[in-house]
Structure formats: C-alpha cells, structure tokens
Amino acid sequence: MARCASCGFKPERAIDVVKSRILDKPHAVAVGENGDVIETGRTRAELEAIREQIRSGSPYEFPPDEVAGVSLVYSEFKRITPGRLARDMVKWLAPPVALGLLFALVLLWKR
C-alpha cells in the first residue's frame, strides 16, 4: 500500500493494512459466497476528529467487530490468484462481448 498522504504512515503488516482501510473514506465491499456486505471507513469530519485525538496523545480504539470484518475481506482479497482473476474476467466479459459481436454480425449481414 501507498504511504498515507495525511500522516505519512505506510502499512506493512496485514493488521496495519486493515486498520488503514478502516481509517479511509467510507466504502462497502461484498465478501464471501453469499455476498455479505462489509461497510467500513470514516467521513471527513470523523477522520479529522480522529486525527486530533491521535495528535493529542490518545490512541484511536478500533472497533473489534469492524477489524474482524475488514480482516476477512483483506484475507479473501489476498487469496485472489491471477488465474482466478482471468477466469472471472472471461466469465463476466464473454457474454457482453459475444452479444456485441453477434449484433455487429447482424448489422453487417443486413447490408
């Protein structure tokens, strides 16, 4: 991951990556076979308040449930192989591409 533009922190360990995703803009990610949605992130105002809290010397307490959920998303993300990514790309792109080619062939045939 890249270095944080606000504080300069560069997460290296998995737990640091998870926590940095929690202290990011709000976002939602579907996870698991049934597509459960994990929502995480903080609003700009919340992030500014957290920044001031940390600057004053008080550590930010990460919600354990949120850390567990984002950790699950992160571990699933790390298991995605290039082969799986290629298969999923073909699975989702082949039908619209085939339909587009069929449409083009019909248009050319009608000429």
N, C-alpha and C. Protein backbone atom coordinates (compact mmCIF):
# COMPACT_ATOMS: atom_id res chain seq x y z
N MET A 1 0.83 -1.19 0.00
CA MET A 1 0.00 0.00 0.00
C MET A 1 0.87 1.24 0.00
N ALA A 2 0.28 2.31 -0.47
CA ALA A 2 1.00 3.57 -0.53
C ALA A 2 1.03 4.24 0.84
N ARG A 3 1.92 5.16 0.99
CA ARG A 3 2.04 5.94 2.21
C ARG A 3 0.84 6.89 2.33
N CYS A 4 0.34 7.06 3.54
CA CYS A 4 -0.80 7.95 3.79
C CYS A 4 -0.41 9.40 3.49
N ALA A 5 -1.24 10.07 2.71
CA ALA A 5 -0.96 11.47 2.35
C ALA A 5 -1.10 12.40 3.55
N SER A 6 -1.91 12.03 4.53
CA SER A 6 -2.14 12.90 5.69
C SER A 6 -1.06 12.76 6.75
N CYS A 7 -0.73 11.52 7.11
CA CYS A 7 0.19 11.33 8.24
C CYS A 7 1.53 10.70 7.85
N GLY A 8 1.62 10.17 6.62
CA GLY A 8 2.86 9.57 6.17
C GLY A 8 3.05 8.11 6.57
N PHE A 9 2.07 7.51 7.25
CA PHE A 9 2.18 6.12 7.67
C PHE A 9 2.09 5.19 6.47
N LYS A 10 2.97 4.19 6.44
CA LYS A 10 2.95 3.19 5.37
C LYS A 10 2.72 1.83 6.00
N PRO A 11 1.51 1.28 5.83
CA PRO A 11 1.22 -0.02 6.44
C PRO A 11 2.01 -1.15 5.79
N GLU A 12 2.61 -1.99 6.62
CA GLU A 12 3.39 -3.12 6.13
C GLU A 12 2.73 -4.44 6.51
N ARG A 13 2.31 -4.57 7.78
CA ARG A 13 1.69 -5.81 8.25
C ARG A 13 0.21 -5.82 7.88
N ALA A 14 -0.36 -7.02 7.81
CA ALA A 14 -1.77 -7.17 7.43
C ALA A 14 -2.69 -6.37 8.34
N ILE A 15 -2.47 -6.40 9.65
CA ILE A 15 -3.33 -5.68 10.59
C ILE A 15 -3.24 -4.17 10.36
N ASP A 16 -2.06 -3.69 9.96
CA ASP A 16 -1.91 -2.26 9.68
C ASP A 16 -2.67 -1.87 8.41
N VAL A 17 -2.67 -2.76 7.42
CA VAL A 17 -3.43 -2.51 6.19
C VAL A 17 -4.92 -2.45 6.52
N VAL A 18 -5.38 -3.40 7.34
CA VAL A 18 -6.78 -3.44 7.74
C VAL A 18 -7.17 -2.15 8.46
N LYS A 19 -6.36 -1.73 9.39
CA LYS A 19 -6.66 -0.51 10.14
C LYS A 19 -6.61 0.73 9.26
N SER A 20 -5.70 0.73 8.29
CA SER A 20 -5.65 1.89 7.39
C SER A 20 -6.87 1.95 6.49
N ARG A 21 -7.43 0.77 6.14
CA ARG A 21 -8.67 0.76 5.34
C ARG A 21 -9.85 1.25 6.17
N ILE A 22 -9.82 0.97 7.46
CA ILE A 22 -10.88 1.47 8.34
C ILE A 22 -10.80 2.99 8.44
N LEU A 23 -9.58 3.52 8.51
CA LEU A 23 -9.40 4.97 8.58
C LEU A 23 -9.23 5.55 7.18
N ASP A 24 -10.17 5.24 6.33
CA ASP A 24 -10.19 5.70 4.95
C ASP A 24 -11.60 6.22 4.67
N LYS A 25 -11.83 6.69 3.45
CA LYS A 25 -13.17 7.14 3.06
C LYS A 25 -14.15 5.98 3.18
N PRO A 26 -15.41 6.27 3.43
CA PRO A 26 -16.40 5.20 3.55
C PRO A 26 -16.51 4.39 2.25
N HIS A 27 -16.59 3.07 2.40
CA HIS A 27 -16.76 2.18 1.26
C HIS A 27 -17.38 0.87 1.74
N ALA A 28 -17.96 0.14 0.81
CA ALA A 28 -18.59 -1.15 1.12
C ALA A 28 -18.01 -2.20 0.18
N VAL A 29 -17.83 -3.40 0.71
CA VAL A 29 -17.26 -4.50 -0.06
C VAL A 29 -18.09 -5.74 0.18
N ALA A 30 -18.43 -6.45 -0.90
CA ALA A 30 -19.13 -7.73 -0.77
C ALA A 30 -18.09 -8.81 -0.50
N VAL A 31 -18.42 -9.72 0.40
CA VAL A 31 -17.46 -10.73 0.80
C VAL A 31 -18.16 -12.08 0.95
N GLY A 32 -17.43 -13.14 0.68
CA GLY A 32 -17.97 -14.48 0.86
C GLY A 32 -18.82 -14.93 -0.30
N GLU A 33 -19.20 -16.19 -0.24
CA GLU A 33 -20.00 -16.79 -1.31
C GLU A 33 -21.39 -16.18 -1.41
N ASN A 34 -21.95 -15.74 -0.27
CA ASN A 34 -23.30 -15.19 -0.29
C ASN A 34 -23.33 -13.67 -0.47
N GLY A 35 -22.16 -13.05 -0.62
CA GLY A 35 -22.09 -11.63 -0.93
C GLY A 35 -22.44 -10.70 0.22
N ASP A 36 -22.16 -11.13 1.48
CA ASP A 36 -22.38 -10.24 2.61
C ASP A 36 -21.60 -8.95 2.40
N VAL A 37 -22.20 -7.83 2.77
CA VAL A 37 -21.56 -6.54 2.57
C VAL A 37 -20.93 -6.06 3.87
N ILE A 38 -19.65 -5.71 3.79
CA ILE A 38 -18.93 -5.14 4.91
C ILE A 38 -18.77 -3.65 4.61
N GLU A 39 -19.29 -2.81 5.48
CA GLU A 39 -19.14 -1.36 5.31
C GLU A 39 -18.11 -0.86 6.29
N THR A 40 -17.21 -0.04 5.81
CA THR A 40 -16.17 0.50 6.66
C THR A 40 -15.78 1.89 6.17
N GLY A 41 -14.88 2.52 6.89
CA GLY A 41 -14.42 3.85 6.52
C GLY A 41 -15.02 4.91 7.42
N ARG A 42 -14.52 6.10 7.29
CA ARG A 42 -14.94 7.22 8.11
C ARG A 42 -15.18 8.45 7.24
N THR A 43 -16.10 9.29 7.68
CA THR A 43 -16.35 10.54 6.97
C THR A 43 -15.17 11.49 7.19
N ARG A 44 -15.12 12.52 6.41
CA ARG A 44 -14.03 13.50 6.55
C ARG A 44 -14.02 14.10 7.95
N ALA A 45 -15.19 14.42 8.46
CA ALA A 45 -15.27 15.01 9.80
C ALA A 45 -14.78 14.01 10.86
N GLU A 46 -15.17 12.75 10.70
CA GLU A 46 -14.71 11.72 11.66
C GLU A 46 -13.19 11.56 11.59
N LEU A 47 -12.64 11.56 10.37
CA LEU A 47 -11.20 11.42 10.21
C LEU A 47 -10.45 12.60 10.83
N GLU A 48 -10.99 13.80 10.68
CA GLU A 48 -10.35 14.97 11.29
C GLU A 48 -10.38 14.87 12.82
N ALA A 49 -11.51 14.41 13.37
CA ALA A 49 -11.61 14.25 14.82
C ALA A 49 -10.64 13.18 15.31
N ILE A 50 -10.52 12.09 14.58
CA ILE A 50 -9.58 11.02 14.95
C ILE A 50 -8.15 11.53 14.89
N ARG A 51 -7.85 12.31 13.85
CA ARG A 51 -6.50 12.88 13.72
C ARG A 51 -6.16 13.73 14.93
N GLU A 52 -7.09 14.58 15.34
CA GLU A 52 -6.85 15.43 16.51
C GLU A 52 -6.71 14.60 17.78
N GLN A 53 -7.51 13.56 17.89
CA GLN A 53 -7.43 12.66 19.05
C GLN A 53 -6.04 12.04 19.15
N ILE A 54 -5.53 11.55 18.01
CA ILE A 54 -4.21 10.92 17.98
C ILE A 54 -3.12 11.94 18.25
N ARG A 55 -3.24 13.13 17.67
CA ARG A 55 -2.25 14.19 17.89
C ARG A 55 -2.18 14.60 19.36
N SER A 56 -3.31 14.52 20.05
CA SER A 56 -3.32 14.91 21.46
C SER A 56 -2.74 13.81 22.36
N GLY A 57 -2.36 12.67 21.75
CA GLY A 57 -1.72 11.61 22.51
C GLY A 57 -2.64 10.47 22.90
N SER A 58 -3.90 10.56 22.52
CA SER A 58 -4.85 9.50 22.85
C SER A 58 -4.99 8.57 21.66
N PRO A 59 -4.69 7.27 21.84
CA PRO A 59 -4.78 6.36 20.70
C PRO A 59 -6.22 6.13 20.27
N TYR A 60 -6.40 5.82 19.00
CA TYR A 60 -7.72 5.52 18.48
C TYR A 60 -8.02 4.04 18.74
N GLU A 61 -9.17 3.78 19.31
CA GLU A 61 -9.59 2.40 19.57
C GLU A 61 -10.41 1.89 18.38
N PHE A 62 -9.88 0.92 17.66
CA PHE A 62 -10.57 0.35 16.51
C PHE A 62 -11.66 -0.61 17.00
N PRO A 63 -12.88 -0.50 16.46
CA PRO A 63 -13.95 -1.42 16.84
C PRO A 63 -13.57 -2.86 16.46
N PRO A 64 -13.53 -3.78 17.43
CA PRO A 64 -13.10 -5.16 17.14
C PRO A 64 -13.94 -5.84 16.05
N ASP A 65 -15.25 -5.60 16.03
CA ASP A 65 -16.09 -6.22 15.00
C ASP A 65 -15.72 -5.72 13.61
N GLU A 66 -15.43 -4.44 13.52
CA GLU A 66 -15.06 -3.88 12.22
C GLU A 66 -13.69 -4.40 11.78
N VAL A 67 -12.76 -4.49 12.72
CA VAL A 67 -11.43 -5.04 12.40
C VAL A 67 -11.58 -6.48 11.89
N ALA A 68 -12.42 -7.26 12.55
CA ALA A 68 -12.63 -8.66 12.13
C ALA A 68 -13.24 -8.72 10.73
N GLY A 69 -14.23 -7.88 10.44
CA GLY A 69 -14.87 -7.88 9.12
C GLY A 69 -13.92 -7.46 8.02
N VAL A 70 -13.17 -6.40 8.25
CA VAL A 70 -12.24 -5.92 7.23
C VAL A 70 -11.08 -6.90 7.08
N SER A 71 -10.69 -7.57 8.16
CA SER A 71 -9.65 -8.61 8.07
C SER A 71 -10.11 -9.75 7.17
N LEU A 72 -11.37 -10.12 7.27
CA LEU A 72 -11.93 -11.17 6.41
C LEU A 72 -11.86 -10.75 4.94
N VAL A 73 -12.26 -9.52 4.66
CA VAL A 73 -12.20 -9.00 3.29
C VAL A 73 -10.76 -9.01 2.78
N TYR A 74 -9.84 -8.55 3.62
CA TYR A 74 -8.43 -8.47 3.23
C TYR A 74 -7.87 -9.86 2.95
N SER A 75 -8.20 -10.85 3.80
CA SER A 75 -7.67 -12.19 3.57
C SER A 75 -8.26 -12.81 2.30
N GLU A 76 -9.54 -12.55 2.02
CA GLU A 76 -10.12 -13.04 0.76
C GLU A 76 -9.47 -12.37 -0.44
N PHE A 77 -9.21 -11.08 -0.32
CA PHE A 77 -8.55 -10.35 -1.41
C PHE A 77 -7.16 -10.92 -1.69
N LYS A 78 -6.42 -11.25 -0.65
CA LYS A 78 -5.06 -11.77 -0.82
C LYS A 78 -5.06 -13.16 -1.46
N ARG A 79 -6.19 -13.89 -1.37
CA ARG A 79 -6.27 -15.23 -1.97
C ARG A 79 -6.62 -15.20 -3.45
N ILE A 80 -6.91 -14.06 -4.00
CA ILE A 80 -7.25 -13.98 -5.42
C ILE A 80 -5.97 -14.18 -6.24
N THR A 81 -5.96 -15.22 -7.06
CA THR A 81 -4.79 -15.51 -7.89
C THR A 81 -4.99 -14.90 -9.28
N PRO A 82 -3.91 -14.71 -10.02
CA PRO A 82 -4.06 -14.21 -11.39
C PRO A 82 -4.96 -15.11 -12.24
N GLY A 83 -4.86 -16.43 -12.03
CA GLY A 83 -5.72 -17.36 -12.79
C GLY A 83 -7.19 -17.15 -12.49
N ARG A 84 -7.51 -17.00 -11.21
CA ARG A 84 -8.91 -16.77 -10.83
C ARG A 84 -9.40 -15.44 -11.39
N LEU A 85 -8.54 -14.45 -11.35
CA LEU A 85 -8.90 -13.14 -11.88
C LEU A 85 -9.19 -13.24 -13.38
N ALA A 86 -8.35 -13.99 -14.11
CA ALA A 86 -8.56 -14.17 -15.56
C ALA A 86 -9.85 -14.92 -15.83
N ARG A 87 -10.11 -15.99 -15.06
CA ARG A 87 -11.36 -16.76 -15.24
C ARG A 87 -12.59 -15.88 -14.98
N ASP A 88 -12.53 -15.10 -13.91
CA ASP A 88 -13.67 -14.23 -13.60
C ASP A 88 -13.86 -13.16 -14.67
N MET A 89 -12.74 -12.65 -15.20
CA MET A 89 -12.84 -11.64 -16.26
C MET A 89 -13.52 -12.24 -17.49
N VAL A 90 -13.12 -13.44 -17.88
CA VAL A 90 -13.75 -14.10 -19.03
C VAL A 90 -15.22 -14.38 -18.74
N LYS A 91 -15.50 -14.87 -17.54
CA LYS A 91 -16.87 -15.21 -17.17
C LYS A 91 -17.80 -13.99 -17.27
N TRP A 92 -17.32 -12.84 -16.85
CA TRP A 92 -18.18 -11.65 -16.85
C TRP A 92 -18.13 -10.86 -18.14
N LEU A 93 -17.03 -10.94 -18.88
CA LEU A 93 -16.91 -10.16 -20.11
C LEU A 93 -17.31 -10.92 -21.37
N ALA A 94 -17.20 -12.24 -21.35
CA ALA A 94 -17.51 -13.02 -22.55
C ALA A 94 -18.95 -12.83 -23.04
N PRO A 95 -19.96 -12.90 -22.18
CA PRO A 95 -21.33 -12.72 -22.69
C PRO A 95 -21.58 -11.37 -23.36
N PRO A 96 -21.20 -10.22 -22.74
CA PRO A 96 -21.47 -8.96 -23.45
C PRO A 96 -20.63 -8.80 -24.73
N VAL A 97 -19.40 -9.31 -24.72
CA VAL A 97 -18.57 -9.23 -25.93
C VAL A 97 -19.20 -10.09 -27.02
N ALA A 98 -19.64 -11.30 -26.69
CA ALA A 98 -20.28 -12.17 -27.68
C ALA A 98 -21.56 -11.53 -28.22
N LEU A 99 -22.34 -10.93 -27.35
CA LEU A 99 -23.56 -10.25 -27.78
C LEU A 99 -23.23 -9.08 -28.72
N GLY A 100 -22.20 -8.33 -28.38
CA GLY A 100 -21.77 -7.23 -29.24
C GLY A 100 -21.32 -7.71 -30.61
N LEU A 101 -20.56 -8.81 -30.64
CA LEU A 101 -20.12 -9.37 -31.91
C LEU A 101 -21.30 -9.88 -32.73
N LEU A 102 -22.23 -10.53 -32.06
CA LEU A 102 -23.43 -11.01 -32.74
C LEU A 102 -24.22 -9.85 -33.34
N PHE A 103 -24.37 -8.79 -32.58
CA PHE A 103 -25.06 -7.59 -33.05
C PHE A 103 -24.36 -7.01 -34.27
N ALA A 104 -23.01 -6.93 -34.21
CA ALA A 104 -22.24 -6.40 -35.34
C ALA A 104 -22.41 -7.29 -36.57
N LEU A 105 -22.40 -8.61 -36.37
CA LEU A 105 -22.60 -9.52 -37.50
C LEU A 105 -23.97 -9.36 -38.13
N VAL A 106 -24.99 -9.19 -37.30
CA VAL A 106 -26.36 -8.99 -37.82
C VAL A 106 -26.43 -7.70 -38.63
N LEU A 107 -25.79 -6.65 -38.12
CA LEU A 107 -25.79 -5.37 -38.85
C LEU A 107 -25.07 -5.51 -40.19
N LEU A 108 -23.94 -6.21 -40.19
CA LEU A 108 -23.19 -6.40 -41.45
C LEU A 108 -23.97 -7.29 -42.40
N TRP A 109 -24.65 -8.28 -41.92
CA TRP A 109 -25.43 -9.21 -42.75
C TRP A 109 -26.60 -8.50 -43.41
N LYS A 110 -27.21 -7.53 -42.71
CA LYS A 110 -28.37 -6.80 -43.23
C LYS A 110 -28.00 -5.83 -44.33
N ARG A 111 -26.75 -5.53 -44.53
CA ARG A 111 -26.32 -4.57 -45.55
C ARG A 111 -26.65 -5.04 -46.88
